[in-house]
Amino acid sequence: MTLKIHIDDSAAPYEQVRAQISEQARSGALPVGYRLPTVRGLAESLGLAANTVAKAYRALESDGVIETRGRNGTFVAAAGSAAERELASAAQAYAERARRLGLDEDAALAAVRDALRAAYGR
């Protein structure tokens, strides 16, 4: 696993860690089941505070990219696991709410596109 933190980058260090691990897991560079370094170990190797790496790991776990198995460690999760299920559930809830509010499909999709552009900075 190769991570590089760029101090002059506008993204916060925890976000750089999160994004790089997420991309490496998605691309297969970090295979499913790969054991990640401990929070302290990764923090030390990157010259970051342990809380910074812990925040990135929490975000990755929330996204379903990694899973913590107690004292056994933290591992790359199976692709399409919790993250896709959670996303499908959120999309279903949104669609039902948009319908209850009386929005047509075009208006509901436009709202999602606007939210995605804002979230991804586009």
PDB file of N, CA and C in Angstrom:
ATOM      1  N   MET A   1       0.855  -1.172   0.000  1.00  0.00           N
ATOM      2  CA  MET A   1       0.000   0.000   0.000  1.00  0.00           C
ATOM      3  C   MET A   1       0.900   1.233   0.000  1.00  0.00           C
ATOM      4  N   THR A   2       0.655   2.111  -0.960  1.00  0.00           N
ATOM      5  CA  THR A   2       1.445   3.318  -1.069  1.00  0.00           C
ATOM      6  C   THR A   2       0.536   4.529  -0.940  1.00  0.00           C
ATOM      7  N   LEU A   3       0.797   5.337   0.069  1.00  0.00           N
ATOM      8  CA  LEU A   3       0.048   6.578   0.260  1.00  0.00           C
ATOM      9  C   LEU A   3       1.026   7.735   0.344  1.00  0.00           C
ATOM     10  N   LYS A   4       0.617   8.857  -0.205  1.00  0.00           N
ATOM     11  CA  LYS A   4       1.440  10.068  -0.133  1.00  0.00           C
ATOM     12  C   LYS A   4       0.542  11.221   0.278  1.00  0.00           C
ATOM     13  N   ILE A   5       0.972  11.949   1.285  1.00  0.00           N
ATOM     14  CA  ILE A   5       0.234  13.120   1.745  1.00  0.00           C
ATOM     15  C   ILE A   5       0.944  14.357   1.215  1.00  0.00           C
ATOM     16  N   HIS A   6       0.174  15.207   0.563  1.00  0.00           N
ATOM     17  CA  HIS A   6       0.717  16.448   0.010  1.00  0.00           C
ATOM     18  C   HIS A   6       0.250  17.601   0.880  1.00  0.00           C
ATOM     19  N   ILE A   7       1.197  18.192   1.584  1.00  0.00           N
ATOM     20  CA  ILE A   7       0.883  19.270   2.527  1.00  0.00           C
ATOM     21  C   ILE A   7       0.266  20.467   1.815  1.00  0.00           C
ATOM     22  N   ASP A   8       0.705  20.743   0.583  1.00  0.00           N
ATOM     23  CA  ASP A   8       0.204  21.911  -0.143  1.00  0.00           C
ATOM     24  C   ASP A   8      -1.124  21.644  -0.848  1.00  0.00           C
ATOM     25  N   ASP A   9      -1.649  20.422  -0.734  1.00  0.00           N
ATOM     26  CA  ASP A   9      -2.933  20.061  -1.342  1.00  0.00           C
ATOM     27  C   ASP A   9      -4.057  20.751  -0.576  1.00  0.00           C
ATOM     28  N   SER A  10      -5.092  21.171  -1.287  1.00  0.00           N
ATOM     29  CA  SER A  10      -6.220  21.833  -0.618  1.00  0.00           C
ATOM     30  C   SER A  10      -7.053  20.843   0.188  1.00  0.00           C
ATOM     31  N   ALA A  11      -6.951  19.553  -0.111  1.00  0.00           N
ATOM     32  CA  ALA A  11      -7.696  18.540   0.634  1.00  0.00           C
ATOM     33  C   ALA A  11      -7.007  18.281   1.971  1.00  0.00           C
ATOM     34  N   ALA A  12      -7.823  18.121   3.011  1.00  0.00           N
ATOM     35  CA  ALA A  12      -7.295  17.825   4.344  1.00  0.00           C
ATOM     36  C   ALA A  12      -6.553  16.484   4.321  1.00  0.00           C
ATOM     37  N   PRO A  13      -5.539  16.321   5.169  1.00  0.00           N
ATOM     38  CA  PRO A  13      -4.794  15.053   5.187  1.00  0.00           C
ATOM     39  C   PRO A  13      -5.676  13.819   5.372  1.00  0.00           C
ATOM     40  N   TYR A  14      -6.682  13.883   6.252  1.00  0.00           N
ATOM     41  CA  TYR A  14      -7.538  12.710   6.440  1.00  0.00           C
ATOM     42  C   TYR A  14      -8.287  12.384   5.153  1.00  0.00           C
ATOM     43  N   GLU A  15      -8.693  13.416   4.398  1.00  0.00           N
ATOM     44  CA  GLU A  15      -9.407  13.209   3.140  1.00  0.00           C
ATOM     45  C   GLU A  15      -8.469  12.612   2.094  1.00  0.00           C
ATOM     46  N   GLN A  16      -7.205  13.010   2.110  1.00  0.00           N
ATOM     47  CA  GLN A  16      -6.241  12.421   1.182  1.00  0.00           C
ATOM     48  C   GLN A  16      -6.048  10.942   1.488  1.00  0.00           C
ATOM     49  N   VAL A  17      -5.947  10.585   2.769  1.00  0.00           N
ATOM     50  CA  VAL A  17      -5.812   9.183   3.164  1.00  0.00           C
ATOM     51  C   VAL A  17      -7.050   8.419   2.733  1.00  0.00           C
ATOM     52  N   ARG A  18      -8.230   8.958   3.033  1.00  0.00           N
ATOM     53  CA  ARG A  18      -9.490   8.307   2.683  1.00  0.00           C
ATOM     54  C   ARG A  18      -9.598   8.082   1.175  1.00  0.00           C
ATOM     55  N   ALA A  19      -9.324   9.135   0.409  1.00  0.00           N
ATOM     56  CA  ALA A  19      -9.457   9.048  -1.047  1.00  0.00           C
ATOM     57  C   ALA A  19      -8.472   8.056  -1.656  1.00  0.00           C
ATOM     58  N   GLN A  20      -7.240   8.048  -1.170  1.00  0.00           N
ATOM     59  CA  GLN A  20      -6.234   7.153  -1.741  1.00  0.00           C
ATOM     60  C   GLN A  20      -6.529   5.685  -1.408  1.00  0.00           C
ATOM     61  N   ILE A  21      -6.933   5.403  -0.180  1.00  0.00           N
ATOM     62  CA  ILE A  21      -7.268   4.029   0.169  1.00  0.00           C
ATOM     63  C   ILE A  21      -8.505   3.589  -0.608  1.00  0.00           C
ATOM     64  N   SER A  22      -9.486   4.462  -0.698  1.00  0.00           N
ATOM     65  CA  SER A  22     -10.709   4.139  -1.433  1.00  0.00           C
ATOM     66  C   SER A  22     -10.397   3.826  -2.896  1.00  0.00           C
ATOM     67  N   GLU A  23      -9.593   4.648  -3.534  1.00  0.00           N
ATOM     68  CA  GLU A  23      -9.236   4.439  -4.937  1.00  0.00           C
ATOM     69  C   GLU A  23      -8.441   3.152  -5.118  1.00  0.00           C
ATOM     70  N   GLN A  24      -7.496   2.889  -4.225  1.00  0.00           N
ATOM     71  CA  GLN A  24      -6.697   1.666  -4.341  1.00  0.00           C
ATOM     72  C   GLN A  24      -7.542   0.423  -4.114  1.00  0.00           C
ATOM     73  N   ALA A  25      -8.538   0.513  -3.234  1.00  0.00           N
ATOM     74  CA  ALA A  25      -9.440  -0.623  -3.020  1.00  0.00           C
ATOM     75  C   ALA A  25     -10.333  -0.812  -4.245  1.00  0.00           C
ATOM     76  N   ARG A  26     -10.841   0.281  -4.806  1.00  0.00           N
ATOM     77  CA  ARG A  26     -11.719   0.209  -5.970  1.00  0.00           C
ATOM     78  C   ARG A  26     -10.984  -0.353  -7.181  1.00  0.00           C
ATOM     79  N   SER A  27      -9.732   0.056  -7.358  1.00  0.00           N
ATOM     80  CA  SER A  27      -8.965  -0.370  -8.529  1.00  0.00           C
ATOM     81  C   SER A  27      -8.419  -1.790  -8.400  1.00  0.00           C
ATOM     82  N   GLY A  28      -8.451  -2.322  -7.188  1.00  0.00           N
ATOM     83  CA  GLY A  28      -7.900  -3.654  -6.971  1.00  0.00           C
ATOM     84  C   GLY A  28      -6.451  -3.652  -6.535  1.00  0.00           C
ATOM     85  N   ALA A  29      -5.841  -2.464  -6.465  1.00  0.00           N
ATOM     86  CA  ALA A  29      -4.465  -2.384  -5.979  1.00  0.00           C
ATOM     87  C   ALA A  29      -4.391  -2.878  -4.533  1.00  0.00           C
ATOM     88  N   LEU A  30      -5.466  -2.655  -3.781  1.00  0.00           N
ATOM     89  CA  LEU A  30      -5.615  -3.247  -2.452  1.00  0.00           C
ATOM     90  C   LEU A  30      -6.721  -4.286  -2.584  1.00  0.00           C
ATOM     91  N   PRO A  31      -6.386  -5.555  -2.610  1.00  0.00           N
ATOM     92  CA  PRO A  31      -7.404  -6.584  -2.834  1.00  0.00           C
ATOM     93  C   PRO A  31      -8.319  -6.771  -1.633  1.00  0.00           C
ATOM     94  N   VAL A  32      -9.482  -7.332  -1.896  1.00  0.00           N
ATOM     95  CA  VAL A  32     -10.422  -7.657  -0.825  1.00  0.00           C
ATOM     96  C   VAL A  32      -9.703  -8.544   0.185  1.00  0.00           C
ATOM     97  N   GLY A  33      -9.856  -8.213   1.453  1.00  0.00           N
ATOM     98  CA  GLY A  33      -9.212  -8.987   2.511  1.00  0.00           C
ATOM     99  C   GLY A  33      -7.839  -8.493   2.894  1.00  0.00           C
ATOM    100  N   TYR A  34      -7.302  -7.512   2.158  1.00  0.00           N
ATOM    101  CA  TYR A  34      -5.986  -6.968   2.479  1.00  0.00           C
ATOM    102  C   TYR A  34      -6.044  -6.338   3.863  1.00  0.00           C
ATOM    103  N   ARG A  35      -5.090  -6.675   4.717  1.00  0.00           N
ATOM    104  CA  ARG A  35      -5.047  -6.113   6.067  1.00  0.00           C
ATOM    105  C   ARG A  35      -4.325  -4.775   6.033  1.00  0.00           C
ATOM    106  N   LEU A  36      -5.030  -3.736   6.466  1.00  0.00           N
ATOM    107  CA  LEU A  36      -4.459  -2.391   6.513  1.00  0.00           C
ATOM    108  C   LEU A  36      -3.574  -2.236   7.744  1.00  0.00           C
ATOM    109  N   PRO A  37      -2.636  -1.299   7.690  1.00  0.00           N
ATOM    110  CA  PRO A  37      -1.825  -1.033   8.881  1.00  0.00           C
ATOM    111  C   PRO A  37      -2.713  -0.521  10.022  1.00  0.00           C
ATOM    112  N   THR A  38      -2.218  -0.644  11.224  1.00  0.00           N
ATOM    113  CA  THR A  38      -2.944  -0.073  12.356  1.00  0.00           C
ATOM    114  C   THR A  38      -2.999   1.439  12.190  1.00  0.00           C
ATOM    115  N   VAL A  39      -3.925   2.059  12.886  1.00  0.00           N
ATOM    116  CA  VAL A  39      -4.044   3.517  12.834  1.00  0.00           C
ATOM    117  C   VAL A  39      -2.716   4.153  13.221  1.00  0.00           C
ATOM    118  N   ARG A  40      -2.154   3.711  14.327  1.00  0.00           N
ATOM    119  CA  ARG A  40      -0.888   4.302  14.788  1.00  0.00           C
ATOM    120  C   ARG A  40       0.249   4.031  13.817  1.00  0.00           C
ATOM    121  N   GLY A  41       0.286   2.821  13.277  1.00  0.00           N
ATOM    122  CA  GLY A  41       1.350   2.481  12.335  1.00  0.00           C
ATOM    123  C   GLY A  41       1.297   3.322  11.077  1.00  0.00           C
ATOM    124  N   LEU A  42       0.101   3.490  10.516  1.00  0.00           N
ATOM    125  CA  LEU A  42      -0.043   4.302   9.309  1.00  0.00           C
ATOM    126  C   LEU A  42       0.231   5.768   9.615  1.00  0.00           C
ATOM    127  N   ALA A  43      -0.265   6.246  10.747  1.00  0.00           N
ATOM    128  CA  ALA A  43      -0.029   7.640  11.126  1.00  0.00           C
ATOM    129  C   ALA A  43       1.471   7.916  11.237  1.00  0.00           C
ATOM    130  N   GLU A  44       2.173   7.011  11.864  1.00  0.00           N
ATOM    131  CA  GLU A  44       3.617   7.180  12.028  1.00  0.00           C
ATOM    132  C   GLU A  44       4.326   7.193  10.679  1.00  0.00           C
ATOM    133  N   SER A  45       3.956   6.269   9.793  1.00  0.00           N
ATOM    134  CA  SER A  45       4.633   6.189   8.495  1.00  0.00           C
ATOM    135  C   SER A  45       4.344   7.413   7.623  1.00  0.00           C
ATOM    136  N   LEU A  46       3.183   8.045   7.815  1.00  0.00           N
ATOM    137  CA  LEU A  46       2.827   9.222   7.018  1.00  0.00           C
ATOM    138  C   LEU A  46       3.173  10.537   7.708  1.00  0.00           C
ATOM    139  N   GLY A  47       3.602  10.466   8.963  1.00  0.00           N
ATOM    140  CA  GLY A  47       3.908  11.683   9.708  1.00  0.00           C
ATOM    141  C   GLY A  47       2.650  12.462  10.083  1.00  0.00           C
ATOM    142  N   LEU A  48       1.573  11.730  10.356  1.00  0.00           N
ATOM    143  CA  LEU A  48       0.302  12.353  10.721  1.00  0.00           C
ATOM    144  C   LEU A  48      -0.071  11.987  12.152  1.00  0.00           C
ATOM    145  N   ALA A  49      -1.008  12.724  12.711  1.00  0.00           N
ATOM    146  CA  ALA A  49      -1.544  12.376  14.020  1.00  0.00           C
ATOM    147  C   ALA A  49      -2.426  11.137  13.884  1.00  0.00           C
ATOM    148  N   ALA A  50      -2.437  10.314  14.911  1.00  0.00           N
ATOM    149  CA  ALA A  50      -3.252   9.102  14.895  1.00  0.00           C
ATOM    150  C   ALA A  50      -4.729   9.447  14.699  1.00  0.00           C
ATOM    151  N   ASN A  51      -5.195  10.549  15.267  1.00  0.00           N
ATOM    152  CA  ASN A  51      -6.599  10.953  15.114  1.00  0.00           C
ATOM    153  C   ASN A  51      -6.949  11.235  13.655  1.00  0.00           C
ATOM    154  N   THR A  52      -5.988  11.718  12.887  1.00  0.00           N
ATOM    155  CA  THR A  52      -6.216  12.004  11.466  1.00  0.00           C
ATOM    156  C   THR A  52      -6.479  10.712  10.704  1.00  0.00           C
ATOM    157  N   VAL A  53      -5.651   9.712  10.934  1.00  0.00           N
ATOM    158  CA  VAL A  53      -5.826   8.417  10.272  1.00  0.00           C
ATOM    159  C   VAL A  53      -7.096   7.733  10.778  1.00  0.00           C
ATOM    160  N   ALA A  54      -7.360   7.838  12.072  1.00  0.00           N
ATOM    161  CA  ALA A  54      -8.576   7.240  12.638  1.00  0.00           C
ATOM    162  C   ALA A  54      -9.819   7.832  11.985  1.00  0.00           C
ATOM    163  N   LYS A  55      -9.806   9.134  11.737  1.00  0.00           N
ATOM    164  CA  LYS A  55     -10.949   9.796  11.080  1.00  0.00           C
ATOM    165  C   LYS A  55     -11.127   9.248   9.666  1.00  0.00           C
ATOM    166  N   ALA A  56     -10.029   9.058   8.948  1.00  0.00           N
ATOM    167  CA  ALA A  56     -10.096   8.495   7.593  1.00  0.00           C
ATOM    168  C   ALA A  56     -10.629   7.065   7.633  1.00  0.00           C
ATOM    169  N   TYR A  57     -10.154   6.259   8.565  1.00  0.00           N
ATOM    170  CA  TYR A  57     -10.622   4.880   8.689  1.00  0.00           C
ATOM    171  C   TYR A  57     -12.114   4.845   9.014  1.00  0.00           C
ATOM    172  N   ARG A  58     -12.575   5.737   9.907  1.00  0.00           N
ATOM    173  CA  ARG A  58     -14.010   5.768  10.238  1.00  0.00           C
ATOM    174  C   ARG A  58     -14.835   6.102   9.002  1.00  0.00           C
ATOM    175  N   ALA A  59     -14.378   7.067   8.212  1.00  0.00           N
ATOM    176  CA  ALA A  59     -15.100   7.440   6.990  1.00  0.00           C
ATOM    177  C   ALA A  59     -15.112   6.280   5.997  1.00  0.00           C
ATOM    178  N   LEU A  60     -13.977   5.599   5.852  1.00  0.00           N
ATOM    179  CA  LEU A  60     -13.895   4.453   4.941  1.00  0.00           C
ATOM    180  C   LEU A  60     -14.791   3.310   5.404  1.00  0.00           C
ATOM    181  N   GLU A  61     -14.862   3.110   6.699  1.00  0.00           N
ATOM    182  CA  GLU A  61     -15.722   2.047   7.217  1.00  0.00           C
ATOM    183  C   GLU A  61     -17.190   2.418   7.008  1.00  0.00           C
ATOM    184  N   SER A  62     -17.510   3.671   7.225  1.00  0.00           N
ATOM    185  CA  SER A  62     -18.875   4.141   6.993  1.00  0.00           C
ATOM    186  C   SER A  62     -19.264   3.983   5.527  1.00  0.00           C
ATOM    187  N   ASP A  63     -18.307   4.171   4.624  1.00  0.00           N
ATOM    188  CA  ASP A  63     -18.545   4.033   3.189  1.00  0.00           C
ATOM    189  C   ASP A  63     -18.551   2.575   2.731  1.00  0.00           C
ATOM    190  N   GLY A  64     -18.193   1.658   3.620  1.00  0.00           N
ATOM    191  CA  GLY A  64     -18.177   0.240   3.257  1.00  0.00           C
ATOM    192  C   GLY A  64     -16.932  -0.194   2.520  1.00  0.00           C
ATOM    193  N   VAL A  65     -15.896   0.649   2.513  1.00  0.00           N
ATOM    194  CA  VAL A  65     -14.654   0.307   1.803  1.00  0.00           C
ATOM    195  C   VAL A  65     -13.800  -0.629   2.641  1.00  0.00           C
ATOM    196  N   ILE A  66     -13.797  -0.405   3.952  1.00  0.00           N
ATOM    197  CA  ILE A  66     -13.011  -1.240   4.857  1.00  0.00           C
ATOM    198  C   ILE A  66     -13.927  -1.757   5.964  1.00  0.00           C
ATOM    199  N   GLU A  67     -13.445  -2.781   6.660  1.00  0.00           N
ATOM    200  CA  GLU A  67     -14.179  -3.293   7.816  1.00  0.00           C
ATOM    201  C   GLU A  67     -13.189  -3.611   8.916  1.00  0.00           C
ATOM    202  N   THR A  68     -13.595  -3.300  10.141  1.00  0.00           N
ATOM    203  CA  THR A  68     -12.753  -3.595  11.291  1.00  0.00           C
ATOM    204  C   THR A  68     -13.268  -4.863  11.935  1.00  0.00           C
ATOM    205  N   ARG A  69     -12.346  -5.759  12.193  1.00  0.00           N
ATOM    206  CA  ARG A  69     -12.696  -7.049  12.800  1.00  0.00           C
ATOM    207  C   ARG A  69     -12.110  -7.130  14.205  1.00  0.00           C
ATOM    208  N   GLY A  70     -12.494  -6.170  15.012  1.00  0.00           N
ATOM    209  CA  GLY A  70     -12.030  -6.146  16.404  1.00  0.00           C
ATOM    210  C   GLY A  70     -10.517  -6.148  16.502  1.00  0.00           C
ATOM    211  N   ARG A  71     -10.008  -7.001  17.361  1.00  0.00           N
ATOM    212  CA  ARG A  71      -8.565  -7.064  17.590  1.00  0.00           C
ATOM    213  C   ARG A  71      -7.809  -7.704  16.428  1.00  0.00           C
ATOM    214  N   ASN A  72      -8.543  -8.279  15.462  1.00  0.00           N
ATOM    215  CA  ASN A  72      -7.886  -8.910  14.312  1.00  0.00           C
ATOM    216  C   ASN A  72      -7.385  -7.901  13.298  1.00  0.00           C
ATOM    217  N   GLY A  73      -7.902  -6.680  13.340  1.00  0.00           N
ATOM    218  CA  GLY A  73      -7.411  -5.646  12.446  1.00  0.00           C
ATOM    219  C   GLY A  73      -8.477  -5.077  11.533  1.00  0.00           C
ATOM    220  N   THR A  74      -7.996  -4.294  10.586  1.00  0.00           N
ATOM    221  CA  THR A  74      -8.853  -3.606   9.624  1.00  0.00           C
ATOM    222  C   THR A  74      -8.504  -4.104   8.233  1.00  0.00           C
ATOM    223  N   PHE A  75      -9.526  -4.443   7.452  1.00  0.00           N
ATOM    224  CA  PHE A  75      -9.343  -5.090   6.164  1.00  0.00           C
ATOM    225  C   PHE A  75     -10.145  -4.394   5.078  1.00  0.00           C
ATOM    226  N   VAL A  76      -9.699  -4.549   3.827  1.00  0.00           N
ATOM    227  CA  VAL A  76     -10.465  -4.063   2.683  1.00  0.00           C
ATOM    228  C   VAL A  76     -11.707  -4.948   2.578  1.00  0.00           C
ATOM    229  N   ALA A  77     -12.870  -4.305   2.520  1.00  0.00           N
ATOM    230  CA  ALA A  77     -14.138  -5.026   2.475  1.00  0.00           C
ATOM    231  C   ALA A  77     -14.423  -5.532   1.065  1.00  0.00           C
ATOM    232  N   ALA A  78     -15.304  -6.483   0.977  1.00  0.00           N
ATOM    233  CA  ALA A  78     -15.728  -7.001  -0.326  1.00  0.00           C
ATOM    234  C   ALA A  78     -16.397  -5.892  -1.113  1.00  0.00           C
ATOM    235  N   ALA A  79     -16.065  -5.799  -2.376  1.00  0.00           N
ATOM    236  CA  ALA A  79     -16.636  -4.762  -3.235  1.00  0.00           C
ATOM    237  C   ALA A  79     -18.144  -4.911  -3.293  1.00  0.00           C
ATOM    238  N   GLY A  80     -18.813  -3.781  -3.302  1.00  0.00           N
ATOM    239  CA  GLY A  80     -20.253  -3.802  -3.446  1.00  0.00           C
ATOM    240  C   GLY A  80     -20.974  -4.287  -2.216  1.00  0.00           C
ATOM    241  N   SER A  81     -20.340  -4.202  -1.079  1.00  0.00           N
ATOM    242  CA  SER A  81     -20.978  -4.702   0.119  1.00  0.00           C
ATOM    243  C   SER A  81     -21.864  -3.648   0.757  1.00  0.00           C
ATOM    244  N   ALA A  82     -21.505  -3.220   1.921  1.00  0.00           N
ATOM    245  CA  ALA A  82     -22.339  -2.317   2.715  1.00  0.00           C
ATOM    246  C   ALA A  82     -22.596  -0.994   2.013  1.00  0.00           C
ATOM    247  N   ALA A  83     -21.599  -0.471   1.325  1.00  0.00           N
ATOM    248  CA  ALA A  83     -21.766   0.839   0.689  1.00  0.00           C
ATOM    249  C   ALA A  83     -22.875   0.817  -0.362  1.00  0.00           C
ATOM    250  N   GLU A  84     -22.874  -0.212  -1.197  1.00  0.00           N
ATOM    251  CA  GLU A  84     -23.906  -0.278  -2.235  1.00  0.00           C
ATOM    252  C   GLU A  84     -25.285  -0.520  -1.651  1.00  0.00           C
ATOM    253  N   ARG A  85     -25.363  -1.342  -0.611  1.00  0.00           N
ATOM    254  CA  ARG A  85     -26.661  -1.573   0.030  1.00  0.00           C
ATOM    255  C   ARG A  85     -27.185  -0.291   0.663  1.00  0.00           C
ATOM    256  N   GLU A  86     -26.302   0.431   1.343  1.00  0.00           N
ATOM    257  CA  GLU A  86     -26.716   1.679   1.992  1.00  0.00           C
ATOM    258  C   GLU A  86     -27.131   2.711   0.952  1.00  0.00           C
ATOM    259  N   LEU A  87     -26.392   2.796  -0.142  1.00  0.00           N
ATOM    260  CA  LEU A  87     -26.733   3.736  -1.201  1.00  0.00           C
ATOM    261  C   LEU A  87     -28.080   3.393  -1.831  1.00  0.00           C
ATOM    262  N   ALA A  88     -28.327   2.118  -2.092  1.00  0.00           N
ATOM    263  CA  ALA A  88     -29.609   1.703  -2.666  1.00  0.00           C
ATOM    264  C   ALA A  88     -30.758   2.036  -1.723  1.00  0.00           C
ATOM    265  N   SER A  89     -30.534   1.830  -0.449  1.00  0.00           N
ATOM    266  CA  SER A  89     -31.574   2.132   0.535  1.00  0.00           C
ATOM    267  C   SER A  89     -31.848   3.633   0.585  1.00  0.00           C
ATOM    268  N   ALA A  90     -30.801   4.437   0.565  1.00  0.00           N
ATOM    269  CA  ALA A  90     -30.968   5.892   0.584  1.00  0.00           C
ATOM    270  C   ALA A  90     -31.668   6.368  -0.684  1.00  0.00           C
ATOM    271  N   ALA A  91     -31.316   5.782  -1.825  1.00  0.00           N
ATOM    272  CA  ALA A  91     -31.956   6.171  -3.081  1.00  0.00           C
ATOM    273  C   ALA A  91     -33.442   5.835  -3.061  1.00  0.00           C
ATOM    274  N   GLN A  92     -33.774   4.668  -2.526  1.00  0.00           N
ATOM    275  CA  GLN A  92     -35.180   4.267  -2.431  1.00  0.00           C
ATOM    276  C   GLN A  92     -35.957   5.220  -1.534  1.00  0.00           C
ATOM    277  N   ALA A  93     -35.380   5.561  -0.391  1.00  0.00           N
ATOM    278  CA  ALA A  93     -36.036   6.483   0.537  1.00  0.00           C
ATOM    279  C   ALA A  93     -36.223   7.853  -0.117  1.00  0.00           C
ATOM    280  N   TYR A  94     -35.215   8.314  -0.863  1.00  0.00           N
ATOM    281  CA  TYR A  94     -35.321   9.599  -1.553  1.00  0.00           C
ATOM    282  C   TYR A  94     -36.431   9.565  -2.596  1.00  0.00           C
ATOM    283  N   ALA A  95     -36.463   8.502  -3.381  1.00  0.00           N
ATOM    284  CA  ALA A  95     -37.475   8.398  -4.434  1.00  0.00           C
ATOM    285  C   ALA A  95     -38.886   8.415  -3.838  1.00  0.00           C
ATOM    286  N   GLU A  96     -39.068   7.692  -2.761  1.00  0.00           N
ATOM    287  CA  GLU A  96     -40.384   7.674  -2.111  1.00  0.00           C
ATOM    288  C   GLU A  96     -40.748   9.045  -1.557  1.00  0.00           C
ATOM    289  N   ARG A  97     -39.791   9.721  -0.959  1.00  0.00           N
ATOM    290  CA  ARG A  97     -40.059  11.055  -0.403  1.00  0.00           C
ATOM    291  C   ARG A  97     -40.378  12.054  -1.506  1.00  0.00           C
ATOM    292  N   ALA A  98     -39.606  12.011  -2.603  1.00  0.00           N
ATOM    293  CA  ALA A  98     -39.859  12.917  -3.731  1.00  0.00           C
ATOM    294  C   ALA A  98     -41.269  12.710  -4.276  1.00  0.00           C
ATOM    295  N   ARG A  99     -41.694  11.460  -4.372  1.00  0.00           N
ATOM    296  CA  ARG A  99     -43.043  11.159  -4.866  1.00  0.00           C
ATOM    297  C   ARG A  99     -44.097  11.704  -3.905  1.00  0.00           C
ATOM    298  N   ARG A 100     -43.891  11.498  -2.589  1.00  0.00           N
ATOM    299  CA  ARG A 100     -44.838  12.015  -1.583  1.00  0.00           C
ATOM    300  C   ARG A 100     -44.937  13.530  -1.622  1.00  0.00           C
ATOM    301  N   LEU A 101     -43.826  14.182  -1.947  1.00  0.00           N
ATOM    302  CA  LEU A 101     -43.815  15.646  -2.023  1.00  0.00           C
ATOM    303  C   LEU A 101     -44.444  16.157  -3.315  1.00  0.00           C
ATOM    304  N   GLY A 102     -44.761  15.239  -4.206  1.00  0.00           N
ATOM    305  CA  GLY A 102     -45.422  15.625  -5.438  1.00  0.00           C
ATOM    306  C   GLY A 102     -44.474  16.029  -6.556  1.00  0.00           C
ATOM    307  N   LEU A 103     -43.182  15.715  -6.424  1.00  0.00           N
ATOM    308  CA  LEU A 103     -42.228  16.050  -7.474  1.00  0.00           C
ATOM    309  C   LEU A 103     -42.323  15.034  -8.603  1.00  0.00           C
ATOM    310  N   ASP A 104     -42.172  15.513  -9.834  1.00  0.00           N
ATOM    311  CA  ASP A 104     -42.122  14.549 -10.931  1.00  0.00           C
ATOM    312  C   ASP A 104     -40.690  14.024 -11.040  1.00  0.00           C
ATOM    313  N   GLU A 105     -40.495  13.026 -11.888  1.00  0.00           N
ATOM    314  CA  GLU A 105     -39.191  12.374 -11.999  1.00  0.00           C
ATOM    315  C   GLU A 105     -38.090  13.348 -12.409  1.00  0.00           C
ATOM    316  N   ASP A 106     -38.387  14.246 -13.353  1.00  0.00           N
ATOM    317  CA  ASP A 106     -37.379  15.207 -13.814  1.00  0.00           C
ATOM    318  C   ASP A 106     -36.922  16.119 -12.682  1.00  0.00           C
ATOM    319  N   ALA A 107     -37.859  16.592 -11.872  1.00  0.00           N
ATOM    320  CA  ALA A 107     -37.515  17.478 -10.757  1.00  0.00           C
ATOM    321  C   ALA A 107     -36.692  16.722  -9.708  1.00  0.00           C
ATOM    322  N   ALA A 108     -37.059  15.477  -9.435  1.00  0.00           N
ATOM    323  CA  ALA A 108     -36.323  14.676  -8.460  1.00  0.00           C
ATOM    324  C   ALA A 108     -34.893  14.415  -8.941  1.00  0.00           C
ATOM    325  N   LEU A 109     -34.748  14.084 -10.226  1.00  0.00           N
ATOM    326  CA  LEU A 109     -33.412  13.855 -10.776  1.00  0.00           C
ATOM    327  C   LEU A 109     -32.581  15.132 -10.798  1.00  0.00           C
ATOM    328  N   ALA A 110     -33.196  16.256 -11.100  1.00  0.00           N
ATOM    329  CA  ALA A 110     -32.474  17.534 -11.105  1.00  0.00           C
ATOM    330  C   ALA A 110     -31.939  17.847  -9.709  1.00  0.00           C
ATOM    331  N   ALA A 111     -32.744  17.584  -8.682  1.00  0.00           N
ATOM    332  CA  ALA A 111     -32.298  17.826  -7.308  1.00  0.00           C
ATOM    333  C   ALA A 111     -31.104  16.944  -6.957  1.00  0.00           C
ATOM    334  N   VAL A 112     -31.140  15.686  -7.405  1.00  0.00           N
ATOM    335  CA  VAL A 112     -30.023  14.773  -7.145  1.00  0.00           C
ATOM    336  C   VAL A 112     -28.771  15.250  -7.880  1.00  0.00           C
ATOM    337  N   ARG A 113     -28.922  15.642  -9.137  1.00  0.00           N
ATOM    338  CA  ARG A 113     -27.755  16.134  -9.896  1.00  0.00           C
ATOM    339  C   ARG A 113     -27.132  17.352  -9.210  1.00  0.00           C
ATOM    340  N   ASP A 114     -27.960  18.285  -8.745  1.00  0.00           N
ATOM    341  CA  ASP A 114     -27.449  19.470  -8.047  1.00  0.00           C
ATOM    342  C   ASP A 114     -26.699  19.068  -6.777  1.00  0.00           C
ATOM    343  N   ALA A 115     -27.272  18.134  -6.025  1.00  0.00           N
ATOM    344  CA  ALA A 115     -26.633  17.690  -4.777  1.00  0.00           C
ATOM    345  C   ALA A 115     -25.302  16.990  -5.070  1.00  0.00           C
ATOM    346  N   LEU A 116     -25.266  16.169  -6.113  1.00  0.00           N
ATOM    347  CA  LEU A 116     -24.022  15.483  -6.478  1.00  0.00           C
ATOM    348  C   LEU A 116     -22.947  16.465  -6.921  1.00  0.00           C
ATOM    349  N   ARG A 117     -23.327  17.453  -7.717  1.00  0.00           N
ATOM    350  CA  ARG A 117     -22.361  18.477  -8.156  1.00  0.00           C
ATOM    351  C   ARG A 117     -21.787  19.201  -6.939  1.00  0.00           C
ATOM    352  N   ALA A 118     -22.642  19.531  -6.000  1.00  0.00           N
ATOM    353  CA  ALA A 118     -22.172  20.219  -4.783  1.00  0.00           C
ATOM    354  C   ALA A 118     -21.258  19.310  -3.953  1.00  0.00           C
ATOM    355  N   ALA A 119     -21.638  18.059  -3.810  1.00  0.00           N
ATOM    356  CA  ALA A 119     -20.857  17.125  -2.998  1.00  0.00           C
ATOM    357  C   ALA A 119     -19.502  16.830  -3.599  1.00  0.00           C
ATOM    358  N   TYR A 120     -19.436  16.742  -4.927  1.00  0.00           N
ATOM    359  CA  TYR A 120     -18.185  16.392  -5.598  1.00  0.00           C
ATOM    360  C   TYR A 120     -17.434  17.619  -6.107  1.00  0.00           C
ATOM    361  N   GLY A 121     -17.937  18.810  -5.785  1.00  0.00           N
ATOM    362  CA  GLY A 121     -17.238  20.041  -6.136  1.00  0.00           C
ATOM    363  C   GLY A 121     -17.166  20.325  -7.618  1.00  0.00           C
ATOM    364  N   ARG A 122     -18.219  20.013  -8.335  1.00  0.00           N
ATOM    365  CA  ARG A 122     -18.226  20.237  -9.793  1.00  0.00           C
ATOM    366  C   ARG A 122     -19.181  21.326 -10.160  1.00  0.00           C
TER     367      ARG A 122
END
